[in-house]
Amino acid sequence: MKLDPFYLIVDSTAWIGRLVPLGVKLVQLRVKEMDQTGLRSEIRTAKAICADHGCQLIVNDHWRLAIEEDCDFIHLGQEDLAAADLAAIRRAGLKLGLSTHDHAELETALAAGPDYIALGPVYPTILKKMKWAPQGLDRIGEWKRRAEPLPLVAIGGLNPDRLDGVFSAGADSAAVVTDITLNPDPEARTREWLRRTAPWR
């Protein structure tokens, strides 16, 4: 499986509606605090927008709703993985991405048979408080060797100027949240990410 090198992560369909039409081909909808009715509506809307623009939607955490709404890709953190019904996920035909932050989590993730592995934080990140130190570029190379042939997603503190190093170290895709959503001009920053990731597309 090949992932687009530009992996956008946003917390609402409002962002998906703004940024996916610019040419984004891989987006994760990561909604943390919302009731089931609202989540279902967000997933349906995101799915429709992505279908219109040829973009792969990945639903974060909410695997039951993803199955019910006939999505085809989910992403789970380690805690969510421990509580998930992997057999049900596989029966539904969903592809699966998993987060990792250390060697133990990598072993757990690989044992689950995912479709890609994510490693983070590569650099210091302001998105959320992390108990893990920044992983650095060498860890990307190590993870890539351990996870092959699975695609490896790098996440945490990434910006366009760090992309060459991340991809040269072995990442297949670079995930971004705040470098775009906190930018004064998110659309322009998205176009820059699209341009700077083009050589790896």
C-alpha atoms as a PDB file:
ATOM      1  CA  MET A   1       0.000   0.000   0.000  1.00  0.00           C
ATOM      2  CA  LYS A   2       1.184   3.513  -0.802  1.00  0.00           C
ATOM      3  CA  LEU A   3       0.202   6.554   1.247  1.00  0.00           C
ATOM      4  CA  ASP A   4       0.276  10.082  -0.070  1.00  0.00           C
ATOM      5  CA  PRO A   5       3.334  11.868   1.384  1.00  0.00           C
ATOM      6  CA  PHE A   6       1.150  14.712   2.708  1.00  0.00           C
ATOM      7  CA  TYR A   7      -1.023  13.455   5.578  1.00  0.00           C
ATOM      8  CA  LEU A   8      -3.313  16.185   6.890  1.00  0.00           C
ATOM      9  CA  ILE A   9      -4.958  15.765  10.308  1.00  0.00           C
ATOM     10  CA  VAL A  10      -7.870  18.027  11.289  1.00  0.00           C
ATOM     11  CA  ASP A  11     -10.567  18.091  13.949  1.00  0.00           C
ATOM     12  CA  SER A  12     -13.636  19.038  11.912  1.00  0.00           C
ATOM     13  CA  THR A  13     -15.310  18.765   8.547  1.00  0.00           C
ATOM     14  CA  ALA A  14     -15.094  22.551   8.355  1.00  0.00           C
ATOM     15  CA  TRP A  15     -11.336  22.135   7.881  1.00  0.00           C
ATOM     16  CA  ILE A  16     -11.855  19.298   5.431  1.00  0.00           C
ATOM     17  CA  GLY A  17     -14.189  21.476   3.381  1.00  0.00           C
ATOM     18  CA  ARG A  18     -11.624  24.272   3.321  1.00  0.00           C
ATOM     19  CA  LEU A  19      -8.465  22.317   2.602  1.00  0.00           C
ATOM     20  CA  VAL A  20      -9.252  19.072   0.768  1.00  0.00           C
ATOM     21  CA  PRO A  21     -10.448  20.913  -2.386  1.00  0.00           C
ATOM     22  CA  LEU A  22      -6.959  22.433  -2.670  1.00  0.00           C
ATOM     23  CA  GLY A  23      -5.604  19.019  -3.682  1.00  0.00           C
ATOM     24  CA  VAL A  24      -5.171  17.132  -0.395  1.00  0.00           C
ATOM     25  CA  LYS A  25      -5.309  13.383  -1.051  1.00  0.00           C
ATOM     26  CA  LEU A  26      -5.000  11.992   2.491  1.00  0.00           C
ATOM     27  CA  VAL A  27      -6.804  13.394   5.529  1.00  0.00           C
ATOM     28  CA  GLN A  28      -7.580  12.135   9.015  1.00  0.00           C
ATOM     29  CA  LEU A  29     -10.658  13.326  10.848  1.00  0.00           C
ATOM     30  CA  ARG A  30      -9.694  13.400  14.528  1.00  0.00           C
ATOM     31  CA  VAL A  31     -12.637  14.542  16.660  1.00  0.00           C
ATOM     32  CA  LYS A  32     -12.180  14.040  20.395  1.00  0.00           C
ATOM     33  CA  GLU A  33     -15.120  15.628  22.227  1.00  0.00           C
ATOM     34  CA  MET A  34     -18.473  15.129  20.502  1.00  0.00           C
ATOM     35  CA  ASP A  35     -21.597  13.054  20.981  1.00  0.00           C
ATOM     36  CA  GLN A  36     -22.356  10.106  18.734  1.00  0.00           C
ATOM     37  CA  THR A  37     -24.946  11.956  16.664  1.00  0.00           C
ATOM     38  CA  GLY A  38     -22.530  14.769  15.968  1.00  0.00           C
ATOM     39  CA  LEU A  39     -19.708  12.368  15.204  1.00  0.00           C
ATOM     40  CA  ARG A  40     -21.833  10.426  12.762  1.00  0.00           C
ATOM     41  CA  SER A  41     -22.769  13.642  10.967  1.00  0.00           C
ATOM     42  CA  GLU A  42     -19.117  14.743  10.821  1.00  0.00           C
ATOM     43  CA  ILE A  43     -18.021  11.390   9.407  1.00  0.00           C
ATOM     44  CA  ARG A  44     -20.771  11.404   6.772  1.00  0.00           C
ATOM     45  CA  THR A  45     -19.944  14.941   5.690  1.00  0.00           C
ATOM     46  CA  ALA A  46     -16.199  14.275   5.615  1.00  0.00           C
ATOM     47  CA  LYS A  47     -16.730  11.116   3.607  1.00  0.00           C
ATOM     48  CA  ALA A  48     -18.824  12.973   1.029  1.00  0.00           C
ATOM     49  CA  ILE A  49     -16.296  15.796   0.643  1.00  0.00           C
ATOM     50  CA  CYS A  50     -13.415  13.359   0.287  1.00  0.00           C
ATOM     51  CA  ALA A  51     -15.317  11.284  -2.285  1.00  0.00           C
ATOM     52  CA  ASP A  52     -15.942  14.404  -4.359  1.00  0.00           C
ATOM     53  CA  HIS A  53     -12.239  15.276  -4.396  1.00  0.00           C
ATOM     54  CA  GLY A  54     -10.558  11.888  -4.661  1.00  0.00           C
ATOM     55  CA  CYS A  55      -9.170  12.122  -1.127  1.00  0.00           C
ATOM     56  CA  GLN A  56      -8.622   9.169   1.236  1.00  0.00           C
ATOM     57  CA  LEU A  57     -10.446   9.722   4.528  1.00  0.00           C
ATOM     58  CA  ILE A  58      -9.071   8.142   7.695  1.00  0.00           C
ATOM     59  CA  VAL A  59     -11.318   8.174  10.768  1.00  0.00           C
ATOM     60  CA  ASN A  60      -9.489   8.475  14.082  1.00  0.00           C
ATOM     61  CA  ASP A  61     -10.524   6.299  17.047  1.00  0.00           C
ATOM     62  CA  HIS A  62     -14.223   5.814  16.287  1.00  0.00           C
ATOM     63  CA  TRP A  63     -14.004   2.434  14.615  1.00  0.00           C
ATOM     64  CA  ARG A  64     -17.579   1.360  15.313  1.00  0.00           C
ATOM     65  CA  LEU A  65     -18.987   4.440  13.629  1.00  0.00           C
ATOM     66  CA  ALA A  66     -16.490   4.033  10.789  1.00  0.00           C
ATOM     67  CA  ILE A  67     -17.821   0.525  10.193  1.00  0.00           C
ATOM     68  CA  GLU A  68     -21.457   1.644  10.413  1.00  0.00           C
ATOM     69  CA  GLU A  69     -20.833   4.508   7.988  1.00  0.00           C
ATOM     70  CA  ASP A  70     -19.041   2.217   5.524  1.00  0.00           C
ATOM     71  CA  CYS A  71     -15.698   3.993   5.779  1.00  0.00           C
ATOM     72  CA  ASP A  72     -12.597   2.178   4.618  1.00  0.00           C
ATOM     73  CA  PHE A  73      -9.746   3.406   6.848  1.00  0.00           C
ATOM     74  CA  ILE A  74      -9.265   4.056  10.561  1.00  0.00           C
ATOM     75  CA  HIS A  75      -6.402   5.128  12.798  1.00  0.00           C
ATOM     76  CA  LEU A  76      -6.036   4.005  16.401  1.00  0.00           C
ATOM     77  CA  GLY A  77      -3.790   5.045  19.235  1.00  0.00           C
ATOM     78  CA  GLN A  78      -2.420   2.405  21.580  1.00  0.00           C
ATOM     79  CA  GLU A  79      -5.197   2.775  24.169  1.00  0.00           C
ATOM     80  CA  ASP A  80      -7.863   2.581  21.481  1.00  0.00           C
ATOM     81  CA  LEU A  81      -6.143  -0.432  19.959  1.00  0.00           C
ATOM     82  CA  ALA A  82      -6.293  -2.277  23.274  1.00  0.00           C
ATOM     83  CA  ALA A  83     -10.070  -1.784  23.421  1.00  0.00           C
ATOM     84  CA  ALA A  84     -10.843  -2.321  19.735  1.00  0.00           C
ATOM     85  CA  ASP A  85     -12.360  -5.417  18.148  1.00  0.00           C
ATOM     86  CA  LEU A  86      -9.746  -6.103  15.490  1.00  0.00           C
ATOM     87  CA  ALA A  87     -11.706  -9.042  14.119  1.00  0.00           C
ATOM     88  CA  ALA A  88     -14.743  -6.823  13.519  1.00  0.00           C
ATOM     89  CA  ILE A  89     -12.539  -4.170  11.921  1.00  0.00           C
ATOM     90  CA  ARG A  90     -11.036  -6.741   9.562  1.00  0.00           C
ATOM     91  CA  ARG A  91     -14.411  -8.309   8.737  1.00  0.00           C
ATOM     92  CA  ALA A  92     -15.605  -4.868   7.685  1.00  0.00           C
ATOM     93  CA  GLY A  93     -12.616  -4.560   5.372  1.00  0.00           C
ATOM     94  CA  LEU A  94     -11.188  -1.473   7.025  1.00  0.00           C
ATOM     95  CA  LYS A  95      -7.539  -0.595   6.609  1.00  0.00           C
ATOM     96  CA  LEU A  96      -5.797   0.195   9.887  1.00  0.00           C
ATOM     97  CA  GLY A  97      -3.139   2.696  10.910  1.00  0.00           C
ATOM     98  CA  LEU A  98      -1.559   2.603  14.374  1.00  0.00           C
ATOM     99  CA  SER A  99       0.363   5.121  16.476  1.00  0.00           C
ATOM    100  CA  THR A 100       3.663   4.210  18.136  1.00  0.00           C
ATOM    101  CA  HIS A 101       5.991   6.123  20.437  1.00  0.00           C
ATOM    102  CA  ASP A 102       8.452   3.520  21.741  1.00  0.00           C
ATOM    103  CA  HIS A 103       9.745   0.014  21.076  1.00  0.00           C
ATOM    104  CA  ALA A 104       7.083  -1.732  23.153  1.00  0.00           C
ATOM    105  CA  GLU A 105       4.327   0.073  21.293  1.00  0.00           C
ATOM    106  CA  LEU A 106       5.933  -0.809  17.979  1.00  0.00           C
ATOM    107  CA  GLU A 107       5.881  -4.499  18.905  1.00  0.00           C
ATOM    108  CA  THR A 108       2.228  -4.233  19.945  1.00  0.00           C
ATOM    109  CA  ALA A 109       1.335  -2.445  16.728  1.00  0.00           C
ATOM    110  CA  LEU A 110       3.146  -4.868  14.445  1.00  0.00           C
ATOM    111  CA  ALA A 111       1.451  -7.806  16.159  1.00  0.00           C
ATOM    112  CA  ALA A 112      -1.921  -6.306  15.244  1.00  0.00           C
ATOM    113  CA  GLY A 113      -1.164  -6.517  11.521  1.00  0.00           C
ATOM    114  CA  PRO A 114      -1.749  -2.869  10.567  1.00  0.00           C
ATOM    115  CA  ASP A 115      -1.629  -1.295   7.119  1.00  0.00           C
ATOM    116  CA  TYR A 116       0.715   1.476   8.260  1.00  0.00           C
ATOM    117  CA  ILE A 117       2.656   2.532  11.337  1.00  0.00           C
ATOM    118  CA  ALA A 118       2.979   6.093  12.645  1.00  0.00           C
ATOM    119  CA  LEU A 119       5.936   7.305  14.721  1.00  0.00           C
ATOM    120  CA  GLY A 120       5.967  10.417  16.817  1.00  0.00           C
ATOM    121  CA  PRO A 121       6.734  12.934  17.974  1.00  0.00           C
ATOM    122  CA  VAL A 122       9.654  13.358  15.592  1.00  0.00           C
ATOM    123  CA  TYR A 123      10.242  16.927  16.793  1.00  0.00           C
ATOM    124  CA  PRO A 124       8.847  18.818  19.785  1.00  0.00           C
ATOM    125  CA  THR A 125       5.123  19.369  19.313  1.00  0.00           C
ATOM    126  CA  ILE A 126       2.597  21.765  20.785  1.00  0.00           C
ATOM    127  CA  LEU A 127      -0.411  19.647  19.802  1.00  0.00           C
ATOM    128  CA  LYS A 128      -0.590  17.737  23.070  1.00  0.00           C
ATOM    129  CA  LYS A 129       1.549  17.028  26.100  1.00  0.00           C
ATOM    130  CA  MET A 130       3.748  14.024  25.374  1.00  0.00           C
ATOM    131  CA  LYS A 131       5.514  11.781  27.857  1.00  0.00           C
ATOM    132  CA  TRP A 132       7.924  10.794  25.074  1.00  0.00           C
ATOM    133  CA  ALA A 133      10.950  12.847  24.076  1.00  0.00           C
ATOM    134  CA  PRO A 134      11.264  13.852  20.420  1.00  0.00           C
ATOM    135  CA  GLN A 135      12.223  10.768  18.440  1.00  0.00           C
ATOM    136  CA  GLY A 136      14.592  12.360  15.924  1.00  0.00           C
ATOM    137  CA  LEU A 137      15.451  11.325  12.387  1.00  0.00           C
ATOM    138  CA  ASP A 138      17.532   8.275  13.326  1.00  0.00           C
ATOM    139  CA  ARG A 139      14.498   6.685  14.942  1.00  0.00           C
ATOM    140  CA  ILE A 140      12.585   7.087  11.663  1.00  0.00           C
ATOM    141  CA  GLY A 141      15.196   4.939   9.925  1.00  0.00           C
ATOM    142  CA  GLU A 142      15.068   2.322  12.660  1.00  0.00           C
ATOM    143  CA  TRP A 143      11.263   2.166  12.604  1.00  0.00           C
ATOM    144  CA  LYS A 144      11.245   1.895   8.811  1.00  0.00           C
ATOM    145  CA  ARG A 145      13.575  -1.093   8.936  1.00  0.00           C
ATOM    146  CA  ARG A 146      11.474  -2.758  11.637  1.00  0.00           C
ATOM    147  CA  ALA A 147       8.134  -2.074   9.983  1.00  0.00           C
ATOM    148  CA  GLU A 148       8.933  -2.828   6.351  1.00  0.00           C
ATOM    149  CA  PRO A 149       7.146  -3.315   4.041  1.00  0.00           C
ATOM    150  CA  LEU A 150       4.511  -1.223   5.837  1.00  0.00           C
ATOM    151  CA  PRO A 151       4.387   2.505   5.099  1.00  0.00           C
ATOM    152  CA  LEU A 152       5.767   4.691   7.883  1.00  0.00           C
ATOM    153  CA  VAL A 153       4.110   7.969   8.851  1.00  0.00           C
ATOM    154  CA  ALA A 154       6.156  10.584  10.696  1.00  0.00           C
ATOM    155  CA  ILE A 155       4.282  12.998  12.962  1.00  0.00           C
ATOM    156  CA  GLY A 156       5.104  15.717  15.478  1.00  0.00           C
ATOM    157  CA  GLY A 157       6.559  19.170  14.987  1.00  0.00           C
ATOM    158  CA  LEU A 158       6.803  18.882  11.218  1.00  0.00           C
ATOM    159  CA  ASN A 159       6.927  21.828   8.848  1.00  0.00           C
ATOM    160  CA  PRO A 160       7.905  22.188   5.183  1.00  0.00           C
ATOM    161  CA  ASP A 161      11.558  22.890   5.995  1.00  0.00           C
ATOM    162  CA  ARG A 162      11.852  19.579   7.859  1.00  0.00           C
ATOM    163  CA  LEU A 163      10.353  17.416   5.119  1.00  0.00           C
ATOM    164  CA  ASP A 164      13.553  16.626   3.219  1.00  0.00           C
ATOM    165  CA  GLY A 165      15.143  15.211   6.363  1.00  0.00           C
ATOM    166  CA  VAL A 166      12.064  13.225   7.340  1.00  0.00           C
ATOM    167  CA  PHE A 167      11.679  11.594   3.925  1.00  0.00           C
ATOM    168  CA  SER A 168      15.403  11.011   3.496  1.00  0.00           C
ATOM    169  CA  ALA A 169      15.402   9.215   6.865  1.00  0.00           C
ATOM    170  CA  GLY A 170      12.804   6.747   5.598  1.00  0.00           C
ATOM    171  CA  ALA A 171       9.326   8.142   6.213  1.00  0.00           C
ATOM    172  CA  ASP A 172       6.738   7.496   3.523  1.00  0.00           C
ATOM    173  CA  SER A 173       4.286  10.146   4.675  1.00  0.00           C
ATOM    174  CA  ALA A 174       4.480  13.270   6.846  1.00  0.00           C
ATOM    175  CA  ALA A 175       1.530  14.079   9.096  1.00  0.00           C
ATOM    176  CA  VAL A 176       0.701  17.649  10.053  1.00  0.00           C
ATOM    177  CA  VAL A 177      -1.773  19.369  12.327  1.00  0.00           C
ATOM    178  CA  THR A 178      -0.841  22.703  13.881  1.00  0.00           C
ATOM    179  CA  ASP A 179       1.637  23.886  11.242  1.00  0.00           C
ATOM    180  CA  ILE A 180      -1.418  24.294   9.031  1.00  0.00           C
ATOM    181  CA  THR A 181      -4.361  24.838  11.375  1.00  0.00           C
ATOM    182  CA  LEU A 182      -2.572  27.520  13.439  1.00  0.00           C
ATOM    183  CA  ASN A 183      -1.054  29.228  10.406  1.00  0.00           C
ATOM    184  CA  PRO A 184      -2.364  32.736   9.627  1.00  0.00           C
ATOM    185  CA  ASP A 185      -3.160  31.488   6.089  1.00  0.00           C
ATOM    186  CA  PRO A 186      -3.990  27.765   6.275  1.00  0.00           C
ATOM    187  CA  GLU A 187      -4.829  27.561   2.583  1.00  0.00           C
ATOM    188  CA  ALA A 188      -1.486  29.006   1.531  1.00  0.00           C
ATOM    189  CA  ARG A 189       0.338  26.742   3.977  1.00  0.00           C
ATOM    190  CA  THR A 190      -1.537  23.715   2.596  1.00  0.00           C
ATOM    191  CA  ARG A 191      -0.475  24.638  -0.927  1.00  0.00           C
ATOM    192  CA  GLU A 192       3.107  24.904   0.290  1.00  0.00           C
ATOM    193  CA  TRP A 193       2.895  21.428   1.837  1.00  0.00           C
ATOM    194  CA  LEU A 194       1.473  20.062  -1.404  1.00  0.00           C
ATOM    195  CA  ARG A 195       4.302  21.646  -3.366  1.00  0.00           C
ATOM    196  CA  ARG A 196       7.048  20.541  -0.983  1.00  0.00           C
ATOM    197  CA  THR A 197       5.803  16.931  -0.798  1.00  0.00           C
ATOM    198  CA  ALA A 198       5.336  16.617  -4.566  1.00  0.00           C
ATOM    199  CA  PRO A 199       8.777  15.034  -5.193  1.00  0.00           C
ATOM    200  CA  TRP A 200       7.723  12.032  -3.060  1.00  0.00           C
ATOM    201  CA  ARG A 201       4.259  11.653  -4.574  1.00  0.00           C
END
